[in-house]
Amino acid sequence: MKITLLDGGLGQELVKRSSAPPHPLWSTKVMLDEPHL
């Protein structure tokens, strides 16, 4: 198993690049749906 820690700056960048609207579990959703980001 690989664990990845994301800081606040990276989290904001994922929100900006993601094609999906914000979601309560947005960071998990982005990692599952758009791992290439």
N, C-alpha and C. Protein backbone atom coordinates (compact mmCIF):
# COMPACT_ATOMS: atom_id res chain seq x y z
N MET A 1 0.84 -1.16 0.00
CA MET A 1 0.00 0.00 0.00
C MET A 1 0.90 1.24 0.00
N LYS A 2 0.49 2.25 -0.77
CA LYS A 2 1.25 3.50 -0.86
C LYS A 2 0.41 4.62 -0.26
N ILE A 3 0.99 5.39 0.63
CA ILE A 3 0.29 6.51 1.27
C ILE A 3 0.85 7.81 0.70
N THR A 4 -0.04 8.71 0.29
CA THR A 4 0.36 10.00 -0.24
C THR A 4 -0.26 11.09 0.62
N LEU A 5 0.56 12.00 1.12
CA LEU A 5 0.07 13.14 1.90
C LEU A 5 0.02 14.37 1.00
N LEU A 6 -1.10 15.06 1.02
CA LEU A 6 -1.26 16.26 0.20
C LEU A 6 -1.32 17.48 1.10
N ASP A 7 -0.58 18.52 0.75
CA ASP A 7 -0.64 19.75 1.54
C ASP A 7 -1.76 20.65 1.02
N GLY A 8 -2.03 21.73 1.72
CA GLY A 8 -3.12 22.63 1.33
C GLY A 8 -2.94 23.23 -0.05
N GLY A 9 -1.73 23.60 -0.40
CA GLY A 9 -1.48 24.18 -1.72
C GLY A 9 -1.80 23.21 -2.84
N LEU A 10 -1.41 21.96 -2.68
CA LEU A 10 -1.71 20.95 -3.69
C LEU A 10 -3.20 20.69 -3.76
N GLY A 11 -3.86 20.70 -2.61
CA GLY A 11 -5.30 20.49 -2.59
C GLY A 11 -6.04 21.56 -3.39
N GLN A 12 -5.62 22.81 -3.25
CA GLN A 12 -6.26 23.90 -4.01
C GLN A 12 -6.00 23.74 -5.50
N GLU A 13 -4.83 23.26 -5.86
CA GLU A 13 -4.51 23.04 -7.27
C GLU A 13 -5.39 21.93 -7.84
N LEU A 14 -5.65 20.88 -7.07
CA LEU A 14 -6.54 19.80 -7.53
C LEU A 14 -7.95 20.32 -7.75
N VAL A 15 -8.43 21.18 -6.86
CA VAL A 15 -9.77 21.76 -7.03
C VAL A 15 -9.81 22.57 -8.32
N LYS A 16 -8.76 23.33 -8.58
CA LYS A 16 -8.72 24.17 -9.78
C LYS A 16 -8.70 23.33 -11.06
N ARG A 17 -7.95 22.22 -11.07
CA ARG A 17 -7.80 21.41 -12.27
C ARG A 17 -8.92 20.40 -12.49
N SER A 18 -9.61 20.03 -11.46
CA SER A 18 -10.63 18.99 -11.57
C SER A 18 -11.81 19.46 -12.40
N SER A 19 -12.36 18.54 -13.19
CA SER A 19 -13.54 18.86 -14.00
C SER A 19 -14.83 18.70 -13.21
N ALA A 20 -14.75 18.10 -12.04
CA ALA A 20 -15.94 17.85 -11.21
C ALA A 20 -16.21 19.04 -10.29
N PRO A 21 -17.48 19.30 -9.98
CA PRO A 21 -17.80 20.37 -9.02
C PRO A 21 -17.34 19.97 -7.61
N PRO A 22 -17.15 20.94 -6.73
CA PRO A 22 -16.72 20.62 -5.36
C PRO A 22 -17.67 19.64 -4.67
N HIS A 23 -17.12 18.78 -3.85
CA HIS A 23 -17.84 17.71 -3.17
C HIS A 23 -17.29 17.64 -1.75
N PRO A 24 -18.10 17.26 -0.74
CA PRO A 24 -17.57 17.19 0.63
C PRO A 24 -16.30 16.34 0.76
N LEU A 25 -16.18 15.31 -0.04
CA LEU A 25 -14.98 14.47 -0.02
C LEU A 25 -14.19 14.67 -1.31
N TRP A 26 -14.04 15.93 -1.73
CA TRP A 26 -13.47 16.24 -3.03
C TRP A 26 -12.09 15.65 -3.24
N SER A 27 -11.23 15.69 -2.24
CA SER A 27 -9.87 15.20 -2.45
C SER A 27 -9.85 13.70 -2.71
N THR A 28 -10.66 12.96 -2.00
CA THR A 28 -10.76 11.51 -2.23
C THR A 28 -11.35 11.25 -3.60
N LYS A 29 -12.38 12.00 -3.95
CA LYS A 29 -13.04 11.81 -5.24
C LYS A 29 -12.08 12.11 -6.40
N VAL A 30 -11.28 13.16 -6.28
CA VAL A 30 -10.32 13.49 -7.33
C VAL A 30 -9.29 12.37 -7.47
N MET A 31 -8.77 11.87 -6.35
CA MET A 31 -7.77 10.81 -6.41
C MET A 31 -8.33 9.54 -7.06
N LEU A 32 -9.59 9.24 -6.81
CA LEU A 32 -10.20 8.04 -7.40
C LEU A 32 -10.60 8.25 -8.86
N ASP A 33 -11.20 9.40 -9.16
CA ASP A 33 -11.75 9.63 -10.50
C ASP A 33 -10.75 10.22 -11.49
N GLU A 34 -9.77 10.98 -11.00
CA GLU A 34 -8.83 11.67 -11.89
C GLU A 34 -7.40 11.53 -11.37
N PRO A 35 -6.88 10.30 -11.27
CA PRO A 35 -5.55 10.11 -10.68
C PRO A 35 -4.43 10.76 -11.49
N HIS A 36 -4.67 11.07 -12.76
CA HIS A 36 -3.64 11.69 -13.59
C HIS A 36 -3.34 13.13 -13.18
N LEU A 37 -4.23 13.76 -12.40
CA LEU A 37 -3.98 15.13 -11.95
C LEU A 37 -2.90 15.12 -10.90
